[in-house]
PDB file of N, CA and C in Angstrom:
ATOM      1  N   MET A   1       0.625  -1.179   0.186  1.00  0.00           N
ATOM      2  CA  MET A   1       0.116  -0.097   0.285  1.00  0.00           C
ATOM      3  C   MET A   1       0.833   1.606  -0.311  1.00  0.00           C
ATOM      4  N   THR A   2       0.462   2.501  -0.851  1.00  0.00           N
ATOM      5  CA  THR A   2       1.328   3.108  -1.253  1.00  0.00           C
ATOM      6  C   THR A   2       0.457   4.241  -0.163  1.00  0.00           C
ATOM      7  N   ASP A   3       1.454   5.002   0.055  1.00  0.00           N
ATOM      8  CA  ASP A   3       1.474   6.610   1.098  1.00  0.00           C
ATOM      9  C   ASP A   3       0.660   7.337   0.702  1.00  0.00           C
ATOM     10  N   ASN A   4      -0.095   7.082  -0.390  1.00  0.00           N
ATOM     11  CA  ASN A   4      -1.057   8.062  -1.104  1.00  0.00           C
ATOM     12  C   ASN A   4      -2.600   7.458  -0.543  1.00  0.00           C
ATOM     13  N   GLU A   5      -2.327   6.200  -0.481  1.00  0.00           N
ATOM     14  CA  GLU A   5      -3.418   5.519  -0.576  1.00  0.00           C
ATOM     15  C   GLU A   5      -3.949   5.639   1.496  1.00  0.00           C
ATOM     16  N   LEU A   6      -3.411   5.895   2.010  1.00  0.00           N
ATOM     17  CA  LEU A   6      -3.606   5.992   3.211  1.00  0.00           C
ATOM     18  C   LEU A   6      -3.755   7.719   4.042  1.00  0.00           C
ATOM     19  N   THR A   7      -4.704   7.652   4.876  1.00  0.00           N
ATOM     20  CA  THR A   7      -4.965   9.042   5.172  1.00  0.00           C
ATOM     21  C   THR A   7      -3.804   9.427   5.945  1.00  0.00           C
ATOM     22  N   LYS A   8      -4.284  10.834   6.109  1.00  0.00           N
ATOM     23  CA  LYS A   8      -3.268  11.676   6.968  1.00  0.00           C
ATOM     24  C   LYS A   8      -2.642  11.097   8.598  1.00  0.00           C
ATOM     25  N   GLU A   9      -3.566  10.817   8.935  1.00  0.00           N
ATOM     26  CA  GLU A   9      -3.673  10.102  10.081  1.00  0.00           C
ATOM     27  C   GLU A   9      -2.629   8.524  10.597  1.00  0.00           C
ATOM     28  N   GLU A  10      -3.342   7.909   9.259  1.00  0.00           N
ATOM     29  CA  GLU A  10      -2.410   6.623   9.193  1.00  0.00           C
ATOM     30  C   GLU A  10      -0.968   7.400   8.317  1.00  0.00           C
ATOM     31  N   ARG A  11      -0.882   7.980   7.898  1.00  0.00           N
ATOM     32  CA  ARG A  11       0.776   8.347   7.726  1.00  0.00           C
ATOM     33  C   ARG A  11       1.030   8.381   8.823  1.00  0.00           C
ATOM     34  N   ILE A  12       1.132   9.796   9.848  1.00  0.00           N
ATOM     35  CA  ILE A  12       1.601  10.156  10.867  1.00  0.00           C
ATOM     36  C   ILE A  12       1.244   8.834  11.604  1.00  0.00           C
ATOM     37  N   LEU A  13       0.591   8.069  12.088  1.00  0.00           N
ATOM     38  CA  LEU A  13       1.286   6.886  12.860  1.00  0.00           C
ATOM     39  C   LEU A  13       2.367   6.280  12.129  1.00  0.00           C
ATOM     40  N   ARG A  14       1.973   5.892  11.077  1.00  0.00           N
ATOM     41  CA  ARG A  14       3.590   5.229  10.629  1.00  0.00           C
ATOM     42  C   ARG A  14       4.440   5.949  10.935  1.00  0.00           C
ATOM     43  N   MET A  15       4.781   7.222  10.580  1.00  0.00           N
ATOM     44  CA  MET A  15       5.637   7.723  10.542  1.00  0.00           C
ATOM     45  C   MET A  15       6.452   7.405  12.421  1.00  0.00           C
ATOM     46  N   MET A  16       5.339   7.901  13.368  1.00  0.00           N
ATOM     47  CA  MET A  16       5.825   7.681  14.189  1.00  0.00           C
ATOM     48  C   MET A  16       5.948   6.625  15.036  1.00  0.00           C
ATOM     49  N   LYS A  17       5.515   5.593  14.383  1.00  0.00           N
ATOM     50  CA  LYS A  17       6.240   4.266  14.543  1.00  0.00           C
ATOM     51  C   LYS A  17       7.705   3.978  14.588  1.00  0.00           C
ATOM     52  N   LYS A  18       7.676   4.387  12.894  1.00  0.00           N
ATOM     53  CA  LYS A  18       9.222   4.351  12.662  1.00  0.00           C
ATOM     54  C   LYS A  18      10.249   4.830  13.261  1.00  0.00           C
ATOM     55  N   VAL A  19       9.789   6.034  13.643  1.00  0.00           N
ATOM     56  CA  VAL A  19      10.911   6.870  14.588  1.00  0.00           C
ATOM     57  C   VAL A  19      11.135   6.517  15.201  1.00  0.00           C
ATOM     58  N   LEU A  20       9.935   5.625  16.406  1.00  0.00           N
ATOM     59  CA  LEU A  20      10.245   5.151  18.136  1.00  0.00           C
ATOM     60  C   LEU A  20      10.852   3.746  17.895  1.00  0.00           C
ATOM     61  N   THR A  21      10.692   3.284  16.510  1.00  0.00           N
ATOM     62  CA  THR A  21      11.713   2.217  16.125  1.00  0.00           C
ATOM     63  C   THR A  21      13.207   2.291  16.280  1.00  0.00           C
ATOM     64  N   ASP A  22      13.132   3.402  15.348  1.00  0.00           N
ATOM     65  CA  ASP A  22      14.825   3.701  15.139  1.00  0.00           C
ATOM     66  C   ASP A  22      15.433   3.939  16.317  1.00  0.00           C
ATOM     67  N   VAL A  23      14.703   5.156  17.400  1.00  0.00           N
ATOM     68  CA  VAL A  23      15.319   5.221  18.693  1.00  0.00           C
ATOM     69  C   VAL A  23      15.785   3.501  19.105  1.00  0.00           C
ATOM     70  N   ALA A  24      14.689   2.909  19.198  1.00  0.00           N
ATOM     71  CA  ALA A  24      14.782   1.477  20.253  1.00  0.00           C
ATOM     72  C   ALA A  24      16.045   1.113  19.606  1.00  0.00           C
ATOM     73  N   ARG A  25      16.410   1.148  18.356  1.00  0.00           N
ATOM     74  CA  ARG A  25      17.378   0.241  17.710  1.00  0.00           C
ATOM     75  C   ARG A  25      18.622   1.015  17.373  1.00  0.00           C
ATOM     76  N   ASP A  26      18.759   2.180  17.615  1.00  0.00           N
ATOM     77  CA  ASP A  26      19.845   3.220  17.866  1.00  0.00           C
ATOM     78  C   ASP A  26      20.228   3.189  19.157  1.00  0.00           C
ATOM     79  N   THR A  27      19.256   3.097  19.638  1.00  0.00           N
ATOM     80  CA  THR A  27      20.369   2.965  21.450  1.00  0.00           C
ATOM     81  C   THR A  27      19.827   1.502  22.097  1.00  0.00           C
ATOM     82  N   HIS A  28      19.904   0.761  21.223  1.00  0.00           N
ATOM     83  CA  HIS A  28      20.225  -0.620  21.809  1.00  0.00           C
ATOM     84  C   HIS A  28      21.557  -0.872  22.592  1.00  0.00           C
ATOM     85  N   ALA A  29      21.546  -1.346  23.961  1.00  0.00           N
ATOM     86  CA  ALA A  29      22.771  -1.583  24.419  1.00  0.00           C
ATOM     87  C   ALA A  29      23.038  -2.730  24.567  1.00  0.00           C
ATOM     88  N   LYS A  30      24.576  -3.204  24.132  1.00  0.00           N
ATOM     89  CA  LYS A  30      24.956  -4.278  23.805  1.00  0.00           C
ATOM     90  C   LYS A  30      24.916  -5.006  25.560  1.00  0.00           C
ATOM     91  N   PRO A  31      24.715  -6.677  25.355  1.00  0.00           N
ATOM     92  CA  PRO A  31      24.623  -7.371  26.352  1.00  0.00           C
ATOM     93  C   PRO A  31      25.826  -6.932  27.839  1.00  0.00           C
ATOM     94  N   GLY A  32      25.623  -6.438  28.816  1.00  0.00           N
ATOM     95  CA  GLY A  32      26.421  -6.516  29.541  1.00  0.00           C
ATOM     96  C   GLY A  32      26.411  -4.516  30.053  1.00  0.00           C
ATOM     97  N   PHE A  33      26.004  -3.797  29.144  1.00  0.00           N
ATOM     98  CA  PHE A  33      26.173  -2.587  29.485  1.00  0.00           C
ATOM     99  C   PHE A  33      24.476  -1.861  29.811  1.00  0.00           C
ATOM    100  N   ARG A  34      24.863  -0.898  30.062  1.00  0.00           N
ATOM    101  CA  ARG A  34      23.704   0.051  30.877  1.00  0.00           C
ATOM    102  C   ARG A  34      23.039   0.686  29.671  1.00  0.00           C
ATOM    103  N   HIS A  35      21.261   0.572  29.423  1.00  0.00           N
ATOM    104  CA  HIS A  35      20.737   1.194  28.643  1.00  0.00           C
ATOM    105  C   HIS A  35      20.594   2.879  28.085  1.00  0.00           C
ATOM    106  N   PRO A  36      20.878   3.339  27.777  1.00  0.00           N
ATOM    107  CA  PRO A  36      20.685   4.807  27.586  1.00  0.00           C
ATOM    108  C   PRO A  36      20.013   5.789  28.106  1.00  0.00           C
ATOM    109  N   LEU A  37      18.611   4.735  27.772  1.00  0.00           N
ATOM    110  CA  LEU A  37      17.182   5.172  28.748  1.00  0.00           C
ATOM    111  C   LEU A  37      16.895   4.440  29.101  1.00  0.00           C
ATOM    112  N   SER A  38      16.249   5.633  29.821  1.00  0.00           N
ATOM    113  CA  SER A  38      15.880   5.183  31.180  1.00  0.00           C
ATOM    114  C   SER A  38      14.499   4.213  31.083  1.00  0.00           C
ATOM    115  N   GLU A  39      14.778   3.229  32.573  1.00  0.00           N
ATOM    116  CA  GLU A  39      13.183   2.529  32.311  1.00  0.00           C
ATOM    117  C   GLU A  39      11.886   3.257  31.813  1.00  0.00           C
ATOM    118  N   GLN A  40      11.753   3.815  32.283  1.00  0.00           N
ATOM    119  CA  GLN A  40      10.262   4.517  32.730  1.00  0.00           C
ATOM    120  C   GLN A  40      10.136   4.890  30.989  1.00  0.00           C
ATOM    121  N   THR A  41      11.449   5.669  30.055  1.00  0.00           N
ATOM    122  CA  THR A  41      11.569   6.320  29.043  1.00  0.00           C
ATOM    123  C   THR A  41      11.002   4.724  28.087  1.00  0.00           C
ATOM    124  N   ILE A  42      11.619   4.001  28.245  1.00  0.00           N
ATOM    125  CA  ILE A  42      11.683   2.915  27.584  1.00  0.00           C
ATOM    126  C   ILE A  42       9.992   2.178  27.859  1.00  0.00           C
ATOM    127  N   LEU A  43       9.667   1.892  28.563  1.00  0.00           N
ATOM    128  CA  LEU A  43       8.093   1.543  29.032  1.00  0.00           C
ATOM    129  C   LEU A  43       7.460   2.689  28.268  1.00  0.00           C
ATOM    130  N   GLY A  44       7.023   4.255  28.300  1.00  0.00           N
ATOM    131  CA  GLY A  44       6.553   5.311  27.541  1.00  0.00           C
ATOM    132  C   GLY A  44       6.520   4.517  25.727  1.00  0.00           C
ATOM    133  N   ILE A  45       8.166   4.409  25.521  1.00  0.00           N
ATOM    134  CA  ILE A  45       7.990   4.015  24.023  1.00  0.00           C
ATOM    135  C   ILE A  45       7.099   2.500  23.831  1.00  0.00           C
ATOM    136  N   ARG A  46       7.219   1.589  24.721  1.00  0.00           N
ATOM    137  CA  ARG A  46       6.423   0.418  24.371  1.00  0.00           C
ATOM    138  C   ARG A  46       5.031   0.659  24.192  1.00  0.00           C
ATOM    139  N   ASP A  47       4.540   1.807  25.386  1.00  0.00           N
ATOM    140  CA  ASP A  47       3.211   2.012  25.833  1.00  0.00           C
ATOM    141  C   ASP A  47       3.036   2.645  24.185  1.00  0.00           C
ATOM    142  N   CYS A  48       3.505   3.715  23.711  1.00  0.00           N
ATOM    143  CA  CYS A  48       3.421   4.243  22.737  1.00  0.00           C
ATOM    144  C   CYS A  48       3.351   3.276  21.333  1.00  0.00           C
ATOM    145  N   LEU A  49       4.085   2.961  21.233  1.00  0.00           N
ATOM    146  CA  LEU A  49       3.745   1.787  19.884  1.00  0.00           C
ATOM    147  C   LEU A  49       2.801   0.913  20.214  1.00  0.00           C
ATOM    148  N   SER A  50       2.297   0.346  21.193  1.00  0.00           N
ATOM    149  CA  SER A  50       0.707  -0.515  21.468  1.00  0.00           C
ATOM    150  C   SER A  50      -0.064   0.577  21.373  1.00  0.00           C
ATOM    151  N   LEU A  51      -0.240   1.462  21.335  1.00  0.00           N
ATOM    152  CA  LEU A  51      -1.474   2.389  21.018  1.00  0.00           C
ATOM    153  C   LEU A  51      -1.300   2.710  19.573  1.00  0.00           C
ATOM    154  N   ILE A  52      -0.152   2.688  18.976  1.00  0.00           N
ATOM    155  CA  ILE A  52      -0.108   3.064  17.375  1.00  0.00           C
ATOM    156  C   ILE A  52      -0.642   1.934  16.858  1.00  0.00           C
ATOM    157  N   SER A  53      -0.166   1.058  17.147  1.00  0.00           N
ATOM    158  CA  SER A  53      -0.532  -0.088  16.691  1.00  0.00           C
ATOM    159  C   SER A  53      -2.108  -0.459  16.754  1.00  0.00           C
ATOM    160  N   ALA A  54      -2.662  -0.472  18.064  1.00  0.00           N
ATOM    161  CA  ALA A  54      -3.971  -0.587  18.245  1.00  0.00           C
ATOM    162  C   ALA A  54      -4.921   0.677  17.346  1.00  0.00           C
ATOM    163  N   ARG A  55      -4.462   1.722  17.121  1.00  0.00           N
ATOM    164  CA  ARG A  55      -5.279   2.918  15.937  1.00  0.00           C
ATOM    165  C   ARG A  55      -5.253   2.654  14.728  1.00  0.00           C
ATOM    166  N   GLU A  56      -3.970   1.655  14.294  1.00  0.00           N
ATOM    167  CA  GLU A  56      -3.793   1.534  12.878  1.00  0.00           C
ATOM    168  C   GLU A  56      -4.844   0.338  12.895  1.00  0.00           C
ATOM    169  N   ARG A  57      -5.072  -0.292  13.674  1.00  0.00           N
ATOM    170  CA  ARG A  57      -5.673  -1.756  13.657  1.00  0.00           C
ATOM    171  C   ARG A  57      -7.618  -1.277  13.688  1.00  0.00           C
ATOM    172  N   GLU A  58      -7.665  -0.424  13.973  1.00  0.00           N
ATOM    173  CA  GLU A  58      -8.762   0.376  14.224  1.00  0.00           C
ATOM    174  C   GLU A  58      -9.317   0.960  12.564  1.00  0.00           C
ATOM    175  N   LEU A  59      -8.171   2.008  11.713  1.00  0.00           N
ATOM    176  CA  LEU A  59      -8.511   2.713  11.181  1.00  0.00           C
ATOM    177  C   LEU A  59      -8.268   1.449   9.964  1.00  0.00           C
ATOM    178  N   ALA A  60      -7.899   0.240   9.740  1.00  0.00           N
ATOM    179  CA  ALA A  60      -7.954  -0.124   8.675  1.00  0.00           C
ATOM    180  C   ALA A  60      -9.233  -1.206   9.103  1.00  0.00           C
ATOM    181  N   GLU A  61      -9.667  -1.633  10.150  1.00  0.00           N
ATOM    182  CA  GLU A  61     -10.552  -2.271  10.056  1.00  0.00           C
ATOM    183  C   GLU A  61     -12.550  -1.115   9.696  1.00  0.00           C
ATOM    184  N   GLU A  62     -11.773   0.091   9.967  1.00  0.00           N
ATOM    185  CA  GLU A  62     -13.269   1.076   9.479  1.00  0.00           C
ATOM    186  C   GLU A  62     -12.766   1.416   7.754  1.00  0.00           C
ATOM    187  N   HIS A  63     -11.668   0.934   7.357  1.00  0.00           N
ATOM    188  CA  HIS A  63     -11.581   1.086   5.573  1.00  0.00           C
ATOM    189  C   HIS A  63     -11.897  -0.061   5.312  1.00  0.00           C
ATOM    190  N   GLY A  64     -11.705  -0.847   5.843  1.00  0.00           N
ATOM    191  CA  GLY A  64     -12.120  -2.634   5.395  1.00  0.00           C
ATOM    192  C   GLY A  64     -10.850  -2.920   4.811  1.00  0.00           C
ATOM    193  N   ARG A  65      -9.588  -2.887   5.371  1.00  0.00           N
ATOM    194  CA  ARG A  65      -8.285  -2.890   4.767  1.00  0.00           C
ATOM    195  C   ARG A  65      -7.246  -4.010   5.882  1.00  0.00           C
ATOM    196  N   PRO A  66      -6.837  -5.227   5.134  1.00  0.00           N
ATOM    197  CA  PRO A  66      -6.633  -6.547   5.914  1.00  0.00           C
ATOM    198  C   PRO A  66      -5.552  -5.836   6.805  1.00  0.00           C
ATOM    199  N   MET A  67      -5.508  -6.728   7.687  1.00  0.00           N
ATOM    200  CA  MET A  67      -4.268  -6.060   8.994  1.00  0.00           C
ATOM    201  C   MET A  67      -3.327  -7.282   8.676  1.00  0.00           C
ATOM    202  N   ASP A  68      -3.467  -8.339   7.785  1.00  0.00           N
ATOM    203  CA  ASP A  68      -2.806  -9.331   7.549  1.00  0.00           C
ATOM    204  C   ASP A  68      -1.476  -9.717   6.820  1.00  0.00           C
ATOM    205  N   MET A  69      -1.479  -8.432   5.830  1.00  0.00           N
ATOM    206  CA  MET A  69       0.030  -8.008   4.796  1.00  0.00           C
ATOM    207  C   MET A  69       1.088  -8.172   5.639  1.00  0.00           C
ATOM    208  N   ARG A  70       1.556  -8.852   5.628  1.00  0.00           N
ATOM    209  CA  ARG A  70       3.113  -8.918   5.702  1.00  0.00           C
ATOM    210  C   ARG A  70       4.010  -9.003   4.837  1.00  0.00           C
ATOM    211  N   PRO A  71       5.721  -8.619   5.043  1.00  0.00           N
ATOM    212  CA  PRO A  71       6.847  -8.360   3.595  1.00  0.00           C
ATOM    213  C   PRO A  71       7.137  -9.882   3.507  1.00  0.00           C
ATOM    214  N   ARG A  72       7.167 -10.086   2.196  1.00  0.00           N
ATOM    215  CA  ARG A  72       7.730 -11.211   1.816  1.00  0.00           C
ATOM    216  C   ARG A  72       8.822 -11.334   0.856  1.00  0.00           C
ATOM    217  N   PHE A  73       9.734 -12.137   0.423  1.00  0.00           N
ATOM    218  CA  PHE A  73      10.504 -11.975  -0.262  1.00  0.00           C
ATOM    219  C   PHE A  73      10.230 -12.598  -1.856  1.00  0.00           C
ATOM    220  N   ILE A  74      10.637 -11.403  -2.584  1.00  0.00           N
ATOM    221  CA  ILE A  74      10.055 -11.179  -4.182  1.00  0.00           C
ATOM    222  C   ILE A  74      10.377 -12.950  -4.751  1.00  0.00           C
ATOM    223  N   ASP A  75      11.170 -14.330  -4.261  1.00  0.00           N
ATOM    224  CA  ASP A  75      11.247 -14.902  -4.804  1.00  0.00           C
ATOM    225  C   ASP A  75      10.260 -16.112  -4.006  1.00  0.00           C
ATOM    226  N   GLU A  76       9.919 -15.528  -3.058  1.00  0.00           N
ATOM    227  CA  GLU A  76       9.301 -16.575  -1.981  1.00  0.00           C
ATOM    228  C   GLU A  76       7.477 -16.957  -2.951  1.00  0.00           C
ATOM    229  N   PRO A  77       7.638 -18.083  -3.038  1.00  0.00           N
ATOM    230  CA  PRO A  77       6.150 -18.736  -3.473  1.00  0.00           C
ATOM    231  C   PRO A  77       5.051 -17.998  -3.007  1.00  0.00           C
ATOM    232  N   ARG A  78       3.765 -17.391  -3.967  1.00  0.00           N
ATOM    233  CA  ARG A  78       2.326 -17.233  -3.456  1.00  0.00           C
ATOM    234  C   ARG A  78       1.779 -19.047  -2.782  1.00  0.00           C
ATOM    235  N   LYS A  79       0.724 -18.192  -1.826  1.00  0.00           N
ATOM    236  CA  LYS A  79      -0.392 -19.749  -1.801  1.00  0.00           C
ATOM    237  C   LYS A  79      -1.152 -19.369  -2.747  1.00  0.00           C
ATOM    238  N   GLU A  80      -1.567 -18.375  -3.533  1.00  0.00           N
ATOM    239  CA  GLU A  80      -2.393 -18.110  -3.994  1.00  0.00           C
ATOM    240  C   GLU A  80      -1.924 -18.168  -5.825  1.00  0.00           C
ATOM    241  N   VAL A  81      -3.215 -18.993  -6.639  1.00  0.00           N
ATOM    242  CA  VAL A  81      -2.300 -18.523  -8.457  1.00  0.00           C
ATOM    243  C   VAL A  81      -3.560 -18.015  -8.656  1.00  0.00           C
ATOM    244  N   ALA A  82      -2.666 -17.061  -9.311  1.00  0.00           N
ATOM    245  CA  ALA A  82      -3.281 -16.080 -10.786  1.00  0.00           C
ATOM    246  C   ALA A  82      -3.588 -17.014 -12.308  1.00  0.00           C
ATOM    247  N   VAL A  83      -4.677 -17.325 -12.295  1.00  0.00           N
ATOM    248  CA  VAL A  83      -4.801 -17.910 -14.051  1.00  0.00           C
ATOM    249  C   VAL A  83      -5.540 -17.075 -14.601  1.00  0.00           C
ATOM    250  N   PRO A  84      -4.651 -16.497 -15.973  1.00  0.00           N
ATOM    251  CA  PRO A  84      -5.254 -15.704 -17.092  1.00  0.00           C
ATOM    252  C   PRO A  84      -6.484 -16.618 -17.281  1.00  0.00           C
ATOM    253  N   ILE A  85      -7.699 -15.583 -17.919  1.00  0.00           N
ATOM    254  CA  ILE A  85      -8.612 -16.637 -18.516  1.00  0.00           C
ATOM    255  C   ILE A  85      -8.404 -14.953 -19.916  1.00  0.00           C
ATOM    256  N   ASP A  86      -8.833 -16.182 -20.821  1.00  0.00           N
ATOM    257  CA  ASP A  86      -8.488 -15.438 -22.239  1.00  0.00           C
ATOM    258  C   ASP A  86      -9.959 -15.983 -22.587  1.00  0.00           C
ATOM    259  N   LEU A  87     -10.897 -15.018 -22.548  1.00  0.00           N
ATOM    260  CA  LEU A  87     -12.685 -14.867 -22.570  1.00  0.00           C
ATOM    261  C   LEU A  87     -12.854 -15.495 -23.716  1.00  0.00           C
ATOM    262  N   ALA A  88     -12.391 -14.310 -25.359  1.00  0.00           N
ATOM    263  CA  ALA A  88     -12.321 -14.597 -26.546  1.00  0.00           C
ATOM    264  C   ALA A  88     -11.853 -16.096 -26.718  1.00  0.00           C
ATOM    265  N   ALA A  89     -10.783 -16.416 -26.593  1.00  0.00           N
ATOM    266  CA  ALA A  89     -11.037 -17.668 -26.740  1.00  0.00           C
ATOM    267  C   ALA A  89     -11.253 -19.082 -26.329  1.00  0.00           C
ATOM    268  N   MET A  90     -11.792 -18.924 -25.415  1.00  0.00           N
ATOM    269  CA  MET A  90     -13.122 -19.842 -24.661  1.00  0.00           C
ATOM    270  C   MET A  90     -14.670 -19.297 -25.289  1.00  0.00           C
ATOM    271  N   ARG A  91     -14.836 -18.123 -25.843  1.00  0.00           N
ATOM    272  CA  ARG A  91     -16.150 -18.025 -26.627  1.00  0.00           C
ATOM    273  C   ARG A  91     -15.828 -18.488 -27.685  1.00  0.00           C
ATOM    274  N   ALA A  92     -14.860 -18.387 -28.733  1.00  0.00           N
ATOM    275  CA  ALA A  92     -14.224 -18.529 -29.822  1.00  0.00           C
ATOM    276  C   ALA A  92     -14.387 -20.790 -30.046  1.00  0.00           C
ATOM    277  N   ARG A  93     -13.816 -20.954 -29.000  1.00  0.00           N
ATOM    278  CA  ARG A  93     -13.814 -22.473 -29.063  1.00  0.00           C
ATOM    279  C   ARG A  93     -15.700 -23.364 -28.808  1.00  0.00           C
ATOM    280  N   LYS A  94     -16.581 -22.416 -27.610  1.00  0.00           N
ATOM    281  CA  LYS A  94     -17.731 -22.863 -27.275  1.00  0.00           C
ATOM    282  C   LYS A  94     -18.484 -22.589 -28.664  1.00  0.00           C
ATOM    283  N   ASP A  95     -18.276 -21.386 -29.751  1.00  0.00           N
ATOM    284  CA  ASP A  95     -18.685 -21.390 -31.205  1.00  0.00           C
ATOM    285  C   ASP A  95     -18.187 -22.320 -31.903  1.00  0.00           C
ATOM    286  N   ALA A  96     -17.225 -22.414 -31.700  1.00  0.00           N
ATOM    287  CA  ALA A  96     -16.860 -23.695 -33.142  1.00  0.00           C
ATOM    288  C   ALA A  96     -17.717 -25.187 -32.661  1.00  0.00           C
ATOM    289  N   GLU A  97     -17.763 -25.360 -31.234  1.00  0.00           N
ATOM    290  CA  GLU A  97     -18.303 -26.452 -30.841  1.00  0.00           C
ATOM    291  C   GLU A  97     -19.481 -26.857 -31.215  1.00  0.00           C
ATOM    292  N   THR A  98     -20.432 -25.784 -31.323  1.00  0.00           N
ATOM    293  CA  THR A  98     -22.231 -25.354 -31.378  1.00  0.00           C
ATOM    294  C   THR A  98     -22.254 -25.652 -32.909  1.00  0.00           C
ATOM    295  N   ASP A  99     -21.192 -25.411 -33.673  1.00  0.00           N
ATOM    296  CA  ASP A  99     -21.479 -24.960 -35.098  1.00  0.00           C
ATOM    297  C   ASP A  99     -21.362 -26.369 -36.060  1.00  0.00           C
TER     298      ASP A  99
END
């Protein structure tokens, strides 16, 4: 889904989630080291991310969008198979059988 298909609120939520996860990733402390963020700040980030996710879910339901979209690799096989149907060829074959 492109950003043009999203509402302004959905774009804001997506950006906020990206920034918060980037902050968490950039401040990650190696095992044995003290985390640069306070425990209260870490809990605040978690709470914000859960609220953002809940609101995204609500907005998706309101607009009838599925929330089961997951990233996938290009070479990953799809579960569903699209079969092209050539209606003109089917009609021509049907007409030939009736003649």
